[in-house]
Amino acid sequence: MQLIEVTTPSLAQEFLMMQVQLYKNDPHYIRPLDKDINNLFDPKKNKLLRNSEAIRWLLQDEKGKYIGRIAAFINKRTANTYEQPTGGMGFFDCINDQKAANMLFDACRDWLQARGMEAMDGPINFGDRDKWWGMQVDGFNPPTYGMNYNFPYYQQLIENYGFQVFFKQYVYYRVVDEKLEEGIYRKAQQILANPDYSFRHMDKNDLKKYAEDFRTVYNKAWTKHEGVKGMTEAQAMGAMNQMKPILDERIVWFGYYKNEPVCFMILLPELNQLFKYVNGKLDLWGKVKFAFHRWRGACKAMFGVVFGVAPDHQRKGVETAMVVAASKVVQNNPKIPYQVMEMNWIGDFNPKMMNVAVQCGSRIYKTYHTYRFLFDRDKEFKRMKIIN
């Protein structure tokens, strides 16, 4: 077996196609958009590469067939926010062969260690946690957009190498028109009756305002998480502009206290229900197919991308009030096509948000693991801290 660094456009294409070939007989597999992967490793597209590092490898067997792939990266915005300098491993795919997997993991370890890292997390994204984060270990249903999908045997490959679970990630699911529990309405009513609170869905004509409202709440709620940096105004606007072409403003909600933003709930149409028809290519023909299948109503699901409440307004029922306010618009509305909702993952380090998901009538649908591997094998392993 031979490791080959991805250094040319043709090898970058092989990096994409290795996964496609591996999963060609899996009926649940949906090919990610080529551009979503390529852009992560393009300095012109990914600003992290201006002062961070990334590398990709392919693994080739004796007959010249590609049997594995992997990437390693150092995100200098977050690498030193942990107890030890920690790099990342991601985009791991491999045949069911421990020796092959070990070669890929060794390559990442050695590359990261040579650059001063003392641990690696994986499989994770070279960027934010909203995409390509964690290894699926349960609920092997078709993947939602931006989420990893893998064979069940991957868990054995990574744990046999010595990775340990840093945190678990739960994806929740509910049928949209199922009635919320009476207790949710009662709890929400206390907030809804308070004139200082107001809730509304976004208006795409005022995108800049909602980008700043999103950033305000995000920076209050997320920067206390280990490994998360604050969001800049440009980053918030960039995120909104990226979502704008597919935003459905009726399912993006904000809450305010005395006109100051205190919570948000961002849901999007579940794009993989449309992207499964384009085979990874969003070229002109891919866009035509995407538009056609969206027009014919192929997208029947929405995906909860992110949900946040400013710390000063947690444990008051604000989140349930926002859900109830949104339900009055979304539920039993023939103009809104979504039948089910799948929520982006919630880490087991965040029991408050897990409880909110359950209170809203959701159930665990898929489970992922984010692993950590300490290079000093004698060092005490610590799981992600619980957020109180």
Protein backbone atom coordinates (compact mmCIF):
# COMPACT_ATOMS: atom_id res chain seq x y z
CA MET A 1 0.00 0.00 0.00
CA GLN A 2 1.17 3.51 -0.82
CA LEU A 3 0.16 6.92 0.51
CA ILE A 4 -0.11 9.64 -2.12
CA GLU A 5 -0.40 13.32 -1.20
CA VAL A 6 -3.08 15.18 -3.12
CA THR A 7 -1.15 17.87 -4.98
CA THR A 8 -2.81 18.14 -8.41
CA PRO A 9 -6.34 18.73 -9.76
CA SER A 10 -6.48 15.16 -11.05
CA LEU A 11 -5.62 13.77 -7.60
CA ALA A 12 -8.18 16.11 -6.03
CA GLN A 13 -10.75 14.53 -8.35
CA GLU A 14 -9.59 11.07 -7.29
CA PHE A 15 -10.03 12.19 -3.67
CA LEU A 16 -13.72 12.85 -4.44
CA MET A 17 -14.24 9.74 -6.54
CA MET A 18 -12.67 7.37 -4.01
CA GLN A 19 -15.71 7.86 -1.76
CA VAL A 20 -18.15 7.64 -4.67
CA GLN A 21 -16.72 4.28 -5.74
CA LEU A 22 -16.70 2.95 -2.17
CA TYR A 23 -20.41 3.68 -1.67
CA LYS A 24 -21.69 3.01 -5.19
CA ASN A 25 -23.84 0.08 -4.02
CA ASP A 26 -25.19 1.72 -0.87
CA PRO A 27 -28.79 2.88 -1.49
CA HIS A 28 -28.62 5.46 1.31
CA TYR A 29 -25.50 7.23 0.08
CA ILE A 30 -25.92 10.72 -1.37
CA ARG A 31 -22.86 12.18 -3.07
CA PRO A 32 -21.78 15.52 -1.56
CA LEU A 33 -21.37 18.45 -3.92
CA ASP A 34 -17.86 18.39 -5.35
CA LYS A 35 -17.49 22.12 -4.81
CA ASP A 36 -18.31 21.84 -1.10
CA ILE A 37 -15.29 19.59 -0.59
CA ASN A 38 -12.92 21.22 -3.07
CA ASN A 39 -13.58 24.72 -1.70
CA LEU A 40 -12.40 23.70 1.77
CA PHE A 41 -8.92 23.03 0.39
CA ASP A 42 -8.80 26.04 -1.94
CA PRO A 43 -7.03 29.09 -0.45
CA LYS A 44 -9.12 31.33 -2.71
CA LYS A 45 -12.33 29.96 -1.22
CA ASN A 46 -11.41 29.07 2.36
CA LYS A 47 -9.97 32.02 4.27
CA LEU A 48 -8.71 29.70 7.01
CA LEU A 49 -5.91 28.66 4.68
CA ARG A 50 -4.42 32.14 4.87
CA ASN A 51 -2.86 31.28 8.21
CA SER A 52 -3.74 27.60 8.76
CA GLU A 53 -2.63 24.37 7.14
CA ALA A 54 -4.28 21.39 5.50
CA ILE A 55 -3.18 18.29 3.65
CA ARG A 56 -4.91 15.38 1.90
CA TRP A 57 -3.80 11.85 1.11
CA LEU A 58 -5.05 8.94 -0.94
CA LEU A 59 -4.16 5.34 -0.14
CA GLN A 60 -3.45 3.05 -3.09
CA ASP A 61 -3.21 -0.72 -3.01
CA GLU A 62 -0.69 -2.89 -4.86
CA LYS A 63 -2.90 -2.99 -7.97
CA GLY A 64 -3.15 0.79 -8.17
CA LYS A 65 -6.72 1.01 -6.82
CA TYR A 66 -7.55 3.78 -4.37
CA ILE A 67 -8.76 2.15 -1.15
CA GLY A 68 -8.70 5.05 1.32
CA ARG A 69 -8.49 8.79 1.78
CA ILE A 70 -8.02 11.23 4.65
CA ALA A 71 -7.20 14.86 5.44
CA ALA A 72 -5.35 16.52 8.30
CA PHE A 73 -5.50 20.17 9.24
CA ILE A 74 -4.58 22.75 11.81
CA ASN A 75 -7.15 25.46 12.37
CA LYS A 76 -5.05 28.09 14.08
CA ARG A 77 -8.18 29.91 15.31
CA THR A 78 -9.05 26.96 17.57
CA ALA A 79 -6.00 24.66 17.84
CA ASN A 80 -4.75 26.26 21.04
CA THR A 81 -8.10 26.69 22.78
CA TYR A 82 -7.93 23.16 24.21
CA GLU A 83 -5.90 21.77 27.10
CA GLN A 84 -3.28 20.68 24.55
CA PRO A 85 -2.69 21.95 20.98
CA THR A 86 -5.14 19.92 18.92
CA GLY A 87 -5.36 19.42 15.18
CA GLY A 88 -8.02 17.81 13.05
CA MET A 89 -8.55 14.69 10.98
CA GLY A 90 -11.40 14.42 8.52
CA PHE A 91 -12.80 13.17 5.22
CA PHE A 92 -11.78 9.67 6.22
CA ASP A 93 -12.96 6.86 4.00
CA CYS A 94 -11.48 3.40 3.83
CA ILE A 95 -12.17 -0.20 2.94
CA ASN A 96 -12.73 -2.51 5.90
CA ASP A 97 -9.05 -3.11 6.57
CA GLN A 98 -7.40 -2.11 9.83
CA LYS A 99 -3.90 -1.93 8.38
CA ALA A 100 -5.09 0.47 5.68
CA ALA A 101 -6.94 2.62 8.21
CA ASN A 102 -3.90 2.71 10.50
CA MET A 103 -1.71 3.99 7.66
CA LEU A 104 -4.11 6.86 7.09
CA PHE A 105 -4.37 7.71 10.80
CA ASP A 106 -0.57 7.47 11.21
CA ALA A 107 -0.08 9.95 8.38
CA CYS A 108 -2.30 12.49 10.13
CA ARG A 109 -0.68 11.92 13.52
CA ASP A 110 2.85 12.31 12.20
CA TRP A 111 2.02 15.41 10.14
CA LEU A 112 0.25 17.11 13.06
CA GLN A 113 2.88 16.13 15.60
CA ALA A 114 5.63 17.59 13.40
CA ARG A 115 3.75 20.91 13.57
CA GLY A 116 3.50 21.03 17.35
CA MET A 117 0.11 19.42 17.88
CA GLU A 118 -0.38 17.03 20.79
CA ALA A 119 -3.74 15.54 19.82
CA MET A 120 -6.14 15.18 16.91
CA ASP A 121 -9.92 15.27 16.81
CA GLY A 122 -11.88 13.52 14.14
CA PRO A 123 -13.51 13.03 11.88
CA ILE A 124 -14.18 16.77 11.81
CA ASN A 125 -14.37 19.61 9.33
CA PHE A 126 -11.66 22.06 8.35
CA GLY A 127 -13.87 24.92 9.43
CA ASP A 128 -17.09 25.29 11.39
CA ARG A 129 -18.98 22.57 13.22
CA ASP A 130 -22.11 22.90 11.09
CA LYS A 131 -20.70 20.56 8.42
CA TRP A 132 -18.81 17.26 8.18
CA TRP A 133 -18.49 16.80 11.93
CA GLY A 134 -18.43 13.41 13.61
CA MET A 135 -18.61 9.75 12.61
CA GLN A 136 -22.02 8.14 12.29
CA VAL A 137 -22.51 5.16 14.63
CA ASP A 138 -26.28 4.71 14.62
CA GLY A 139 -29.37 5.50 12.53
CA PHE A 140 -27.87 4.86 9.11
CA ASN A 141 -30.56 6.67 7.15
CA PRO A 142 -29.82 8.86 4.11
CA PRO A 143 -27.51 11.71 5.13
CA THR A 144 -28.72 15.26 5.45
CA TYR A 145 -26.85 18.01 3.65
CA GLY A 146 -23.41 18.67 5.08
CA MET A 147 -23.46 15.66 7.43
CA ASN A 148 -21.02 12.77 7.26
CA TYR A 149 -22.20 9.34 6.20
CA ASN A 150 -20.15 6.20 6.64
CA PHE A 151 -20.30 2.44 6.89
CA PRO A 152 -20.88 0.97 10.40
CA TYR A 153 -17.44 -0.70 10.38
CA TYR A 154 -15.72 2.71 10.54
CA GLN A 155 -16.39 2.80 14.28
CA GLN A 156 -14.31 -0.31 14.82
CA LEU A 157 -11.48 0.98 12.62
CA ILE A 158 -11.15 4.25 14.50
CA GLU A 159 -11.58 2.82 18.01
CA ASN A 160 -9.14 -0.01 17.36
CA TYR A 161 -6.53 2.62 16.50
CA GLY A 162 -6.96 4.23 19.93
CA PHE A 163 -9.33 7.15 19.36
CA GLN A 164 -11.68 7.77 22.28
CA VAL A 165 -15.09 9.42 22.27
CA PHE A 166 -14.65 13.13 23.01
CA PHE A 167 -18.38 13.77 22.75
CA LYS A 168 -21.49 12.18 21.28
CA GLN A 169 -23.77 14.00 18.87
CA TYR A 170 -27.49 13.39 18.58
CA VAL A 171 -29.66 14.28 15.60
CA TYR A 172 -33.32 14.71 16.53
CA TYR A 173 -36.38 14.21 14.33
CA ARG A 174 -40.11 15.00 14.45
CA VAL A 175 -43.15 15.06 12.21
CA VAL A 176 -44.00 18.72 11.59
CA ASP A 177 -47.77 18.54 12.12
CA GLU A 178 -47.62 16.50 15.34
CA LYS A 179 -49.23 18.55 18.08
CA LEU A 180 -46.88 19.93 20.70
CA GLU A 181 -47.40 18.74 24.26
CA GLU A 182 -49.71 20.81 26.43
CA GLY A 183 -46.88 21.47 28.87
CA ILE A 184 -44.96 23.26 26.13
CA TYR A 185 -47.88 25.61 25.45
CA ARG A 186 -48.25 26.37 29.17
CA LYS A 187 -44.56 27.12 29.58
CA ALA A 188 -44.47 29.21 26.44
CA GLN A 189 -47.51 31.25 27.39
CA GLN A 190 -45.68 32.90 30.29
CA ILE A 191 -43.21 34.39 27.82
CA LEU A 192 -45.71 35.07 25.04
CA ALA A 193 -47.85 37.05 27.49
CA ASN A 194 -44.88 39.28 28.39
CA PRO A 195 -44.94 42.37 26.10
CA ASP A 196 -41.16 42.74 26.40
CA TYR A 197 -40.74 39.59 24.31
CA SER A 198 -41.53 39.28 20.62
CA PHE A 199 -40.94 36.59 18.00
CA ARG A 200 -40.96 36.76 14.21
CA HIS A 201 -39.60 35.03 11.19
CA MET A 202 -36.91 36.76 9.18
CA ASP A 203 -37.39 39.01 6.18
CA LYS A 204 -34.87 38.37 3.38
CA ASN A 205 -35.16 42.02 2.37
CA ASP A 206 -33.41 42.96 5.62
CA LEU A 207 -30.65 40.37 5.55
CA LYS A 208 -27.99 42.58 7.10
CA LYS A 209 -30.08 43.21 10.22
CA TYR A 210 -30.75 39.49 10.75
CA ALA A 211 -27.11 38.61 10.15
CA GLU A 212 -26.14 40.97 12.95
CA ASP A 213 -28.93 39.64 15.21
CA PHE A 214 -27.66 36.12 14.56
CA ARG A 215 -24.08 37.15 15.36
CA THR A 216 -25.11 38.87 18.58
CA VAL A 217 -26.83 35.78 20.00
CA TYR A 218 -24.22 33.38 18.62
CA ASN A 219 -21.33 35.18 20.30
CA LYS A 220 -23.14 35.24 23.63
CA ALA A 221 -24.21 31.61 23.52
CA TRP A 222 -21.39 29.76 21.74
CA THR A 223 -18.07 31.29 22.68
CA LYS A 224 -18.22 29.57 26.06
CA HIS A 225 -17.96 26.25 24.21
CA GLU A 226 -14.46 24.80 24.13
CA GLY A 227 -12.88 25.25 20.71
CA VAL A 228 -15.33 27.92 19.48
CA LYS A 229 -14.25 31.45 18.57
CA GLY A 230 -16.46 34.52 18.26
CA MET A 231 -18.04 35.35 14.92
CA THR A 232 -17.16 38.56 13.10
CA GLU A 233 -19.63 40.80 11.29
CA ALA A 234 -18.19 39.70 7.94
CA GLN A 235 -18.50 36.02 8.85
CA ALA A 236 -22.13 36.43 9.88
CA MET A 237 -22.99 38.26 6.68
CA GLY A 238 -21.11 35.66 4.67
CA ALA A 239 -23.11 32.86 6.29
CA MET A 240 -26.39 34.61 5.51
CA ASN A 241 -25.38 35.30 1.91
CA GLN A 242 -24.40 31.67 1.48
CA MET A 243 -27.81 30.53 2.72
CA LYS A 244 -29.81 33.22 0.90
CA PRO A 245 -30.47 31.32 -2.35
CA ILE A 246 -32.28 28.53 -0.51
CA LEU A 247 -33.62 30.39 2.55
CA ASP A 248 -37.30 29.99 3.31
CA GLU A 249 -37.89 32.98 5.58
CA ARG A 250 -40.98 31.34 7.11
CA ILE A 251 -38.79 28.78 8.91
CA VAL A 252 -36.04 31.13 10.16
CA TRP A 253 -37.11 32.66 13.47
CA PHE A 254 -35.75 35.24 15.91
CA GLY A 255 -36.79 36.25 19.40
CA TYR A 256 -36.30 39.68 20.99
CA TYR A 257 -36.41 41.13 24.48
CA LYS A 258 -37.06 44.87 24.48
CA ASN A 259 -36.10 44.76 20.79
CA GLU A 260 -32.70 43.21 21.50
CA PRO A 261 -32.05 39.78 19.89
CA VAL A 262 -31.99 36.96 22.44
CA CYS A 263 -32.63 33.76 20.46
CA PHE A 264 -32.85 32.30 16.98
CA MET A 265 -33.88 29.12 15.19
CA ILE A 266 -32.56 28.64 11.67
CA LEU A 267 -34.11 25.91 9.55
CA LEU A 268 -33.50 25.29 5.86
CA PRO A 269 -35.06 23.05 3.25
CA GLU A 270 -33.28 19.69 3.48
CA LEU A 271 -31.13 20.10 0.39
CA ASN A 272 -29.97 16.52 0.05
CA GLN A 273 -33.51 15.64 -1.00
CA LEU A 274 -32.70 17.73 -4.09
CA PHE A 275 -28.93 17.29 -4.40
CA LYS A 276 -29.33 13.52 -4.67
CA TYR A 277 -30.45 14.14 -8.25
CA VAL A 278 -27.36 16.12 -9.34
CA ASN A 279 -24.61 13.53 -8.60
CA GLY A 280 -22.27 16.03 -6.96
CA LYS A 281 -22.32 18.47 -9.88
CA LEU A 282 -23.94 21.87 -9.48
CA ASP A 283 -23.02 22.96 -12.99
CA LEU A 284 -25.63 24.37 -15.39
CA TRP A 285 -27.33 21.02 -15.91
CA GLY A 286 -27.14 20.30 -12.17
CA LYS A 287 -28.82 23.62 -11.41
CA VAL A 288 -31.57 22.82 -13.91
CA LYS A 289 -32.20 19.48 -12.21
CA PHE A 290 -32.08 21.10 -8.78
CA ALA A 291 -34.63 23.75 -9.81
CA PHE A 292 -36.90 21.20 -11.46
CA HIS A 293 -37.03 18.88 -8.45
CA ARG A 294 -37.56 21.81 -6.10
CA TRP A 295 -40.40 23.05 -8.33
CA ARG A 296 -42.10 19.65 -8.33
CA GLY A 297 -42.00 19.57 -4.52
CA ALA A 298 -39.40 16.85 -4.01
CA CYS A 299 -38.19 18.52 -0.81
CA LYS A 300 -40.54 17.42 1.98
CA ALA A 301 -38.18 17.93 4.90
CA MET A 302 -36.58 20.83 6.70
CA PHE A 303 -33.32 20.76 8.55
CA GLY A 304 -32.63 22.62 11.78
CA VAL A 305 -29.20 24.13 11.20
CA VAL A 306 -28.72 25.97 14.46
CA PHE A 307 -30.72 26.97 17.54
CA GLY A 308 -29.44 29.39 20.16
CA VAL A 309 -30.52 31.33 23.24
CA ALA A 310 -28.46 34.05 24.94
CA PRO A 311 -27.37 32.89 28.41
CA ASP A 312 -29.34 35.58 30.26
CA HIS A 313 -32.57 34.26 28.76
CA GLN A 314 -32.02 30.54 29.19
CA ARG A 315 -34.19 28.44 31.52
CA LYS A 316 -37.05 30.94 31.19
CA GLY A 317 -39.06 29.24 28.47
CA VAL A 318 -37.87 31.57 25.71
CA GLU A 319 -36.93 28.67 23.44
CA THR A 320 -40.34 27.00 23.82
CA ALA A 321 -42.09 30.32 23.21
CA MET A 322 -40.20 30.70 19.94
CA VAL A 323 -41.10 27.15 18.92
CA VAL A 324 -44.78 27.75 19.69
CA ALA A 325 -44.76 31.05 17.78
CA ALA A 326 -43.20 29.31 14.78
CA SER A 327 -45.62 26.37 14.99
CA LYS A 328 -48.59 28.71 14.54
CA VAL A 329 -47.19 29.67 11.14
CA VAL A 330 -45.72 26.36 10.00
CA GLN A 331 -48.07 23.63 11.24
CA ASN A 332 -51.07 22.61 9.15
CA ASN A 333 -50.22 25.28 6.58
CA PRO A 334 -50.90 23.97 3.04
CA LYS A 335 -48.53 26.60 1.61
CA ILE A 336 -45.59 25.15 3.55
CA PRO A 337 -44.55 21.77 2.08
CA TYR A 338 -42.40 20.35 4.86
CA GLN A 339 -43.64 17.16 6.51
CA VAL A 340 -40.72 16.32 8.77
CA MET A 341 -37.96 18.18 10.58
CA GLU A 342 -34.49 16.89 11.27
CA MET A 343 -32.36 18.92 13.67
CA ASN A 344 -28.64 19.46 13.34
CA TRP A 345 -26.68 17.56 15.93
CA ILE A 346 -26.68 18.45 19.60
CA GLY A 347 -23.63 17.42 21.62
CA ASP A 348 -24.08 15.38 24.79
CA PHE A 349 -22.10 18.18 26.48
CA ASN A 350 -25.20 20.36 26.07
CA PRO A 351 -27.96 18.66 28.10
CA LYS A 352 -30.10 21.83 28.14
CA MET A 353 -30.49 21.79 24.37
CA MET A 354 -31.07 18.04 24.37
CA ASN A 355 -33.90 18.64 26.82
CA VAL A 356 -35.37 21.38 24.59
CA ALA A 357 -35.38 18.96 21.64
CA VAL A 358 -37.23 16.35 23.68
CA GLN A 359 -39.71 18.92 25.02
CA CYS A 360 -40.51 19.88 21.43
CA GLY A 361 -41.56 16.32 20.69
CA SER A 362 -38.39 15.21 18.91
CA ARG A 363 -36.67 11.86 19.20
CA ILE A 364 -33.10 10.76 18.58
CA TYR A 365 -32.79 9.73 14.95
CA LYS A 366 -29.05 9.43 14.37
CA THR A 367 -25.96 9.29 16.58
CA TYR A 368 -22.45 10.51 15.74
CA HIS A 369 -19.17 10.44 17.68
CA THR A 370 -16.43 13.04 17.65
CA TYR A 371 -13.24 11.28 18.69
CA ARG A 372 -9.97 12.51 20.16
CA PHE A 373 -6.58 10.83 19.98
CA LEU A 374 -3.86 11.98 22.41
CA PHE A 375 -0.36 11.54 21.01
CA ASP A 376 1.02 10.99 24.53
CA ARG A 377 -0.68 7.68 25.27
CA ASP A 378 0.04 8.01 28.99
CA LYS A 379 -1.77 11.32 29.31
CA GLU A 380 -5.16 11.30 31.01
CA PHE A 381 -8.03 11.46 28.51
CA LYS A 382 -10.80 13.93 29.30
CA ARG A 383 -14.15 14.17 27.60
CA MET A 384 -15.73 17.44 26.51
CA LYS A 385 -16.88 19.47 29.51
CA ILE A 386 -20.60 19.57 30.19
CA ILE A 387 -22.15 23.01 29.76
CA ASN A 388 -24.02 23.94 32.92
